[in-house]
Amino acid sequence: MNRIPIAVLSLMLAFLAVPDGLAQQHGSINHHKAAEGKDPATPSYSGMEKRRVKALSGEQMADLLAGRGMGLALAAELNSYPGPSHVLELRDALGVTDEQASRTKALLDRMKAETIPLGLRIIEKETELDRLFSERKIISAQLAELTKTIADVQGALRAAHLRYHLEMAELLTPGQIRRYSQLRGYSGQVD
């Protein structure tokens, strides 16, 4: 079995934890602020040191605790595998039957029951990692163990979200799936 080196997993974790907009900044200069005429010497991460968990924004933590997808299922979503919550939002426009709606709601409930504990585990492990760094008590072995645990839980979370998109597609007709993609803006104009 191929294993991803810890350094690569750590880098992936760091990328996933970076809020929107920061992923395209380089070094210690905030290029968005520089482009807007603001001080280009402002450090990219300025203000993040005040977060409860440094690697997670408040929005990311709220999403993890609510079982929201956070873009983890884009491989499914953008390839015509609808998400249960969006199907329920678009129920009338998709012509979802009562039976389909009932099964979709059950699917969504199961998804949240699985993903919320995973999100909580990510927050707990990120909090532990943050605390160890803050207290200057982290050692290499702990770092390797914690980042691997976080990466494993993130992988399980992503797999869960993707799996529920797969199951959702089995409940809909091909026409409903096409309509879903149109309504979500993925394939042409809505009728």
C-alpha atoms as a PDB file:
ATOM      1  CA  MET A   1       0.000   0.000   0.000  1.00  0.00           C
ATOM      2  CA  ASN A   2       1.359   3.429  -0.901  1.00  0.00           C
ATOM      3  CA  ARG A   3       1.631   5.769   2.033  1.00  0.00           C
ATOM      4  CA  ILE A   4       1.827   9.526   1.767  1.00  0.00           C
ATOM      5  CA  PRO A   5       4.840  10.939   3.621  1.00  0.00           C
ATOM      6  CA  ILE A   6       4.061  12.862   6.805  1.00  0.00           C
ATOM      7  CA  ALA A   7       5.541  16.049   5.323  1.00  0.00           C
ATOM      8  CA  VAL A   8       3.101  15.893   2.402  1.00  0.00           C
ATOM      9  CA  LEU A   9       0.167  15.233   4.731  1.00  0.00           C
ATOM     10  CA  SER A  10       1.240  18.167   6.906  1.00  0.00           C
ATOM     11  CA  LEU A  11       1.415  20.414   3.867  1.00  0.00           C
ATOM     12  CA  MET A  12      -2.034  19.246   2.722  1.00  0.00           C
ATOM     13  CA  LEU A  13      -3.411  19.917   6.207  1.00  0.00           C
ATOM     14  CA  ALA A  14      -1.895  23.387   6.244  1.00  0.00           C
ATOM     15  CA  PHE A  15      -3.417  24.153   2.834  1.00  0.00           C
ATOM     16  CA  LEU A  16      -6.862  22.930   3.911  1.00  0.00           C
ATOM     17  CA  ALA A  17      -6.725  25.079   7.036  1.00  0.00           C
ATOM     18  CA  VAL A  18      -5.841  28.280   5.166  1.00  0.00           C
ATOM     19  CA  PRO A  19      -8.859  30.572   4.819  1.00  0.00           C
ATOM     20  CA  ASP A  20     -10.052  31.714   1.401  1.00  0.00           C
ATOM     21  CA  GLY A  21      -7.804  34.354  -0.062  1.00  0.00           C
ATOM     22  CA  LEU A  22      -4.700  33.359   1.851  1.00  0.00           C
ATOM     23  CA  ALA A  23      -3.976  30.358  -0.332  1.00  0.00           C
ATOM     24  CA  GLN A  24      -2.758  32.660  -3.103  1.00  0.00           C
ATOM     25  CA  GLN A  25      -0.549  34.832  -0.930  1.00  0.00           C
ATOM     26  CA  HIS A  26       3.163  34.246  -0.844  1.00  0.00           C
ATOM     27  CA  GLY A  27       5.756  34.901   1.800  1.00  0.00           C
ATOM     28  CA  SER A  28       4.906  37.463   4.418  1.00  0.00           C
ATOM     29  CA  ILE A  29       3.322  39.996   2.077  1.00  0.00           C
ATOM     30  CA  ASN A  30      -0.422  40.208   1.660  1.00  0.00           C
ATOM     31  CA  HIS A  31      -0.723  40.640  -2.116  1.00  0.00           C
ATOM     32  CA  HIS A  32      -4.468  41.267  -1.967  1.00  0.00           C
ATOM     33  CA  LYS A  33      -3.947  44.255   0.323  1.00  0.00           C
ATOM     34  CA  ALA A  34      -1.058  45.468  -1.803  1.00  0.00           C
ATOM     35  CA  ALA A  35      -3.257  45.278  -4.895  1.00  0.00           C
ATOM     36  CA  GLU A  36      -5.968  47.225  -3.098  1.00  0.00           C
ATOM     37  CA  GLY A  37      -3.537  49.998  -2.214  1.00  0.00           C
ATOM     38  CA  LYS A  38      -3.192  48.905   1.416  1.00  0.00           C
ATOM     39  CA  ASP A  39       0.066  48.360   3.235  1.00  0.00           C
ATOM     40  CA  PRO A  40       1.894  45.607   1.301  1.00  0.00           C
ATOM     41  CA  ALA A  41       4.134  44.875   4.293  1.00  0.00           C
ATOM     42  CA  THR A  42       1.226  43.622   6.427  1.00  0.00           C
ATOM     43  CA  PRO A  43       1.974  40.004   7.352  1.00  0.00           C
ATOM     44  CA  SER A  44      -0.334  37.511   5.625  1.00  0.00           C
ATOM     45  CA  TYR A  45      -1.454  35.867   8.855  1.00  0.00           C
ATOM     46  CA  SER A  46      -1.909  39.028  10.862  1.00  0.00           C
ATOM     47  CA  GLY A  47      -4.888  38.673  13.201  1.00  0.00           C
ATOM     48  CA  MET A  48      -4.996  34.884  12.972  1.00  0.00           C
ATOM     49  CA  GLU A  49      -2.975  34.627  16.171  1.00  0.00           C
ATOM     50  CA  LYS A  50      -6.134  35.666  18.031  1.00  0.00           C
ATOM     51  CA  ARG A  51      -8.132  32.655  16.860  1.00  0.00           C
ATOM     52  CA  ARG A  52      -9.200  30.063  19.400  1.00  0.00           C
ATOM     53  CA  VAL A  53      -7.662  27.379  17.167  1.00  0.00           C
ATOM     54  CA  LYS A  54      -5.036  28.996  14.971  1.00  0.00           C
ATOM     55  CA  ALA A  55      -5.401  26.626  12.011  1.00  0.00           C
ATOM     56  CA  LEU A  56      -9.203  26.937  11.802  1.00  0.00           C
ATOM     57  CA  SER A  57     -11.350  29.987  11.184  1.00  0.00           C
ATOM     58  CA  GLY A  58     -14.590  30.439  13.085  1.00  0.00           C
ATOM     59  CA  GLU A  59     -16.477  29.614   9.888  1.00  0.00           C
ATOM     60  CA  GLN A  60     -14.502  26.409   9.378  1.00  0.00           C
ATOM     61  CA  MET A  61     -15.169  25.349  12.960  1.00  0.00           C
ATOM     62  CA  ALA A  62     -18.897  26.093  12.595  1.00  0.00           C
ATOM     63  CA  ASP A  63     -19.004  24.097   9.351  1.00  0.00           C
ATOM     64  CA  LEU A  64     -17.223  21.140  10.947  1.00  0.00           C
ATOM     65  CA  LEU A  65     -19.583  21.176  13.924  1.00  0.00           C
ATOM     66  CA  ALA A  66     -22.654  21.377  11.667  1.00  0.00           C
ATOM     67  CA  GLY A  67     -21.549  18.613   9.317  1.00  0.00           C
ATOM     68  CA  ARG A  68     -21.460  20.917   6.292  1.00  0.00           C
ATOM     69  CA  GLY A  69     -19.492  19.835   3.234  1.00  0.00           C
ATOM     70  CA  MET A  70     -17.038  22.754   3.022  1.00  0.00           C
ATOM     71  CA  GLY A  71     -16.223  21.811  -0.582  1.00  0.00           C
ATOM     72  CA  LEU A  72     -14.949  18.377   0.455  1.00  0.00           C
ATOM     73  CA  ALA A  73     -17.269  16.664  -2.033  1.00  0.00           C
ATOM     74  CA  LEU A  74     -16.561  18.810  -5.087  1.00  0.00           C
ATOM     75  CA  ALA A  75     -15.330  15.770  -7.028  1.00  0.00           C
ATOM     76  CA  ALA A  76     -18.856  14.387  -6.686  1.00  0.00           C
ATOM     77  CA  GLU A  77     -20.859  17.621  -6.763  1.00  0.00           C
ATOM     78  CA  LEU A  78     -19.282  18.920  -9.977  1.00  0.00           C
ATOM     79  CA  ASN A  79     -19.564  15.559 -11.713  1.00  0.00           C
ATOM     80  CA  SER A  80     -23.344  15.170 -11.345  1.00  0.00           C
ATOM     81  CA  TYR A  81     -23.559  13.512  -7.931  1.00  0.00           C
ATOM     82  CA  PRO A  82     -25.908  15.827  -6.007  1.00  0.00           C
ATOM     83  CA  GLY A  83     -25.629  16.537  -2.304  1.00  0.00           C
ATOM     84  CA  PRO A  84     -28.550  15.630  -0.035  1.00  0.00           C
ATOM     85  CA  SER A  85     -28.917  19.046   1.575  1.00  0.00           C
ATOM     86  CA  HIS A  86     -29.003  20.808  -1.813  1.00  0.00           C
ATOM     87  CA  VAL A  87     -31.513  18.285  -3.151  1.00  0.00           C
ATOM     88  CA  LEU A  88     -33.826  19.109  -0.254  1.00  0.00           C
ATOM     89  CA  GLU A  89     -33.328  22.851  -0.887  1.00  0.00           C
ATOM     90  CA  LEU A  90     -34.274  22.336  -4.552  1.00  0.00           C
ATOM     91  CA  ARG A  91     -36.984  19.758  -3.890  1.00  0.00           C
ATOM     92  CA  ASP A  92     -39.830  21.524  -5.731  1.00  0.00           C
ATOM     93  CA  ALA A  93     -37.721  22.583  -8.713  1.00  0.00           C
ATOM     94  CA  LEU A  94     -36.403  19.027  -9.071  1.00  0.00           C
ATOM     95  CA  GLY A  95     -39.831  17.430  -8.780  1.00  0.00           C
ATOM     96  CA  VAL A  96     -38.655  15.289  -5.859  1.00  0.00           C
ATOM     97  CA  THR A  97     -41.385  12.878  -4.766  1.00  0.00           C
ATOM     98  CA  ASP A  98     -42.431  12.482  -1.137  1.00  0.00           C
ATOM     99  CA  GLU A  99     -40.677   9.090  -1.068  1.00  0.00           C
ATOM    100  CA  GLN A 100     -37.475  10.590  -2.493  1.00  0.00           C
ATOM    101  CA  ALA A 101     -37.671  13.475  -0.019  1.00  0.00           C
ATOM    102  CA  SER A 102     -38.110  11.093   2.895  1.00  0.00           C
ATOM    103  CA  ARG A 103     -35.154   8.968   1.819  1.00  0.00           C
ATOM    104  CA  THR A 104     -33.052  12.089   1.159  1.00  0.00           C
ATOM    105  CA  LYS A 105     -33.826  13.444   4.632  1.00  0.00           C
ATOM    106  CA  ALA A 106     -32.812  10.098   6.150  1.00  0.00           C
ATOM    107  CA  LEU A 107     -29.608  10.197   4.097  1.00  0.00           C
ATOM    108  CA  LEU A 108     -28.866  13.736   5.292  1.00  0.00           C
ATOM    109  CA  ASP A 109     -29.503  12.745   8.916  1.00  0.00           C
ATOM    110  CA  ARG A 110     -27.129   9.774   8.592  1.00  0.00           C
ATOM    111  CA  MET A 111     -24.515  11.990   6.939  1.00  0.00           C
ATOM    112  CA  LYS A 112     -24.644  14.518   9.765  1.00  0.00           C
ATOM    113  CA  ALA A 113     -24.560  11.761  12.397  1.00  0.00           C
ATOM    114  CA  GLU A 114     -21.330  10.541  10.808  1.00  0.00           C
ATOM    115  CA  THR A 115     -19.654  13.816   9.845  1.00  0.00           C
ATOM    116  CA  ILE A 116     -20.322  15.941  12.937  1.00  0.00           C
ATOM    117  CA  PRO A 117     -18.287  13.656  15.245  1.00  0.00           C
ATOM    118  CA  LEU A 118     -15.473  13.666  12.655  1.00  0.00           C
ATOM    119  CA  GLY A 119     -15.562  17.461  12.537  1.00  0.00           C
ATOM    120  CA  LEU A 120     -15.444  17.603  16.317  1.00  0.00           C
ATOM    121  CA  ARG A 121     -12.436  15.253  16.300  1.00  0.00           C
ATOM    122  CA  ILE A 122     -10.607  17.508  13.828  1.00  0.00           C
ATOM    123  CA  ILE A 123     -11.250  20.522  16.058  1.00  0.00           C
ATOM    124  CA  GLU A 124     -10.101  18.599  19.147  1.00  0.00           C
ATOM    125  CA  LYS A 125      -6.863  17.452  17.499  1.00  0.00           C
ATOM    126  CA  GLU A 126      -6.164  20.887  15.984  1.00  0.00           C
ATOM    127  CA  THR A 127      -6.744  22.386  19.442  1.00  0.00           C
ATOM    128  CA  GLU A 128      -4.299  19.915  20.948  1.00  0.00           C
ATOM    129  CA  LEU A 129      -1.692  20.671  18.266  1.00  0.00           C
ATOM    130  CA  ASP A 130      -2.166  24.406  18.791  1.00  0.00           C
ATOM    131  CA  ARG A 131      -1.860  24.033  22.575  1.00  0.00           C
ATOM    132  CA  LEU A 132       1.352  22.014  22.342  1.00  0.00           C
ATOM    133  CA  PHE A 133       2.912  24.655  20.101  1.00  0.00           C
ATOM    134  CA  SER A 134       1.609  27.470  22.285  1.00  0.00           C
ATOM    135  CA  GLU A 135       3.063  25.880  25.416  1.00  0.00           C
ATOM    136  CA  ARG A 136       6.284  25.068  23.553  1.00  0.00           C
ATOM    137  CA  LYS A 137       5.894  21.418  24.546  1.00  0.00           C
ATOM    138  CA  ILE A 138       5.631  19.845  21.095  1.00  0.00           C
ATOM    139  CA  ILE A 139       8.200  17.249  20.067  1.00  0.00           C
ATOM    140  CA  SER A 140       8.720  15.647  16.667  1.00  0.00           C
ATOM    141  CA  ALA A 141       7.036  12.369  17.604  1.00  0.00           C
ATOM    142  CA  GLN A 142       3.891  14.185  18.801  1.00  0.00           C
ATOM    143  CA  LEU A 143       3.905  16.366  15.715  1.00  0.00           C
ATOM    144  CA  ALA A 144       4.039  13.336  13.429  1.00  0.00           C
ATOM    145  CA  GLU A 145       1.338  11.516  15.384  1.00  0.00           C
ATOM    146  CA  LEU A 146      -1.057  14.474  15.623  1.00  0.00           C
ATOM    147  CA  THR A 147      -0.737  15.560  12.002  1.00  0.00           C
ATOM    148  CA  LYS A 148      -1.256  11.971  10.834  1.00  0.00           C
ATOM    149  CA  THR A 149      -4.335  11.661  13.047  1.00  0.00           C
ATOM    150  CA  ILE A 150      -5.732  14.948  11.736  1.00  0.00           C
ATOM    151  CA  ALA A 151      -5.064  13.908   8.140  1.00  0.00           C
ATOM    152  CA  ASP A 152      -6.707  10.525   8.698  1.00  0.00           C
ATOM    153  CA  VAL A 153      -9.809  12.127  10.202  1.00  0.00           C
ATOM    154  CA  GLN A 154      -9.946  14.696   7.389  1.00  0.00           C
ATOM    155  CA  GLY A 155      -9.742  11.833   4.904  1.00  0.00           C
ATOM    156  CA  ALA A 156     -12.577  10.005   6.661  1.00  0.00           C
ATOM    157  CA  LEU A 157     -14.642  13.206   6.659  1.00  0.00           C
ATOM    158  CA  ARG A 158     -14.107  13.763   2.945  1.00  0.00           C
ATOM    159  CA  ALA A 159     -14.870  10.120   2.146  1.00  0.00           C
ATOM    160  CA  ALA A 160     -18.108  10.365   4.120  1.00  0.00           C
ATOM    161  CA  HIS A 161     -19.283  13.484   2.274  1.00  0.00           C
ATOM    162  CA  LEU A 162     -18.384  11.916  -1.076  1.00  0.00           C
ATOM    163  CA  ARG A 163     -20.142   8.658  -0.184  1.00  0.00           C
ATOM    164  CA  TYR A 164     -23.402  10.469   0.632  1.00  0.00           C
ATOM    165  CA  HIS A 165     -23.290  12.233  -2.737  1.00  0.00           C
ATOM    166  CA  LEU A 166     -22.880   8.808  -4.343  1.00  0.00           C
ATOM    167  CA  GLU A 167     -25.869   7.459  -2.418  1.00  0.00           C
ATOM    168  CA  MET A 168     -27.912  10.559  -3.247  1.00  0.00           C
ATOM    169  CA  ALA A 169     -27.398  10.048  -6.977  1.00  0.00           C
ATOM    170  CA  GLU A 170     -28.903   6.569  -6.651  1.00  0.00           C
ATOM    171  CA  LEU A 171     -32.169   8.084  -5.344  1.00  0.00           C
ATOM    172  CA  LEU A 172     -32.714  10.498  -8.233  1.00  0.00           C
ATOM    173  CA  THR A 173     -33.661   9.995 -11.858  1.00  0.00           C
ATOM    174  CA  PRO A 174     -31.200  10.993 -14.601  1.00  0.00           C
ATOM    175  CA  GLY A 175     -33.521  13.902 -15.447  1.00  0.00           C
ATOM    176  CA  GLN A 176     -33.512  15.142 -11.856  1.00  0.00           C
ATOM    177  CA  ILE A 177     -29.727  14.943 -11.770  1.00  0.00           C
ATOM    178  CA  ARG A 178     -29.455  16.951 -15.011  1.00  0.00           C
ATOM    179  CA  ARG A 179     -31.891  19.530 -13.627  1.00  0.00           C
ATOM    180  CA  TYR A 180     -29.920  19.691 -10.365  1.00  0.00           C
ATOM    181  CA  SER A 181     -26.720  20.485 -12.291  1.00  0.00           C
ATOM    182  CA  GLN A 182     -28.542  23.177 -14.247  1.00  0.00           C
ATOM    183  CA  LEU A 183     -30.055  24.739 -11.134  1.00  0.00           C
ATOM    184  CA  ARG A 184     -26.693  24.706  -9.378  1.00  0.00           C
ATOM    185  CA  GLY A 185     -25.134  26.403 -12.428  1.00  0.00           C
ATOM    186  CA  TYR A 186     -22.866  23.555 -13.498  1.00  0.00           C
ATOM    187  CA  SER A 187     -24.254  22.751 -16.924  1.00  0.00           C
ATOM    188  CA  GLY A 188     -25.822  25.389 -19.074  1.00  0.00           C
ATOM    189  CA  GLN A 189     -28.835  27.557 -18.550  1.00  0.00           C
ATOM    190  CA  VAL A 190     -31.798  26.714 -16.373  1.00  0.00           C
ATOM    191  CA  ASP A 191     -35.004  26.201 -18.366  1.00  0.00           C
END
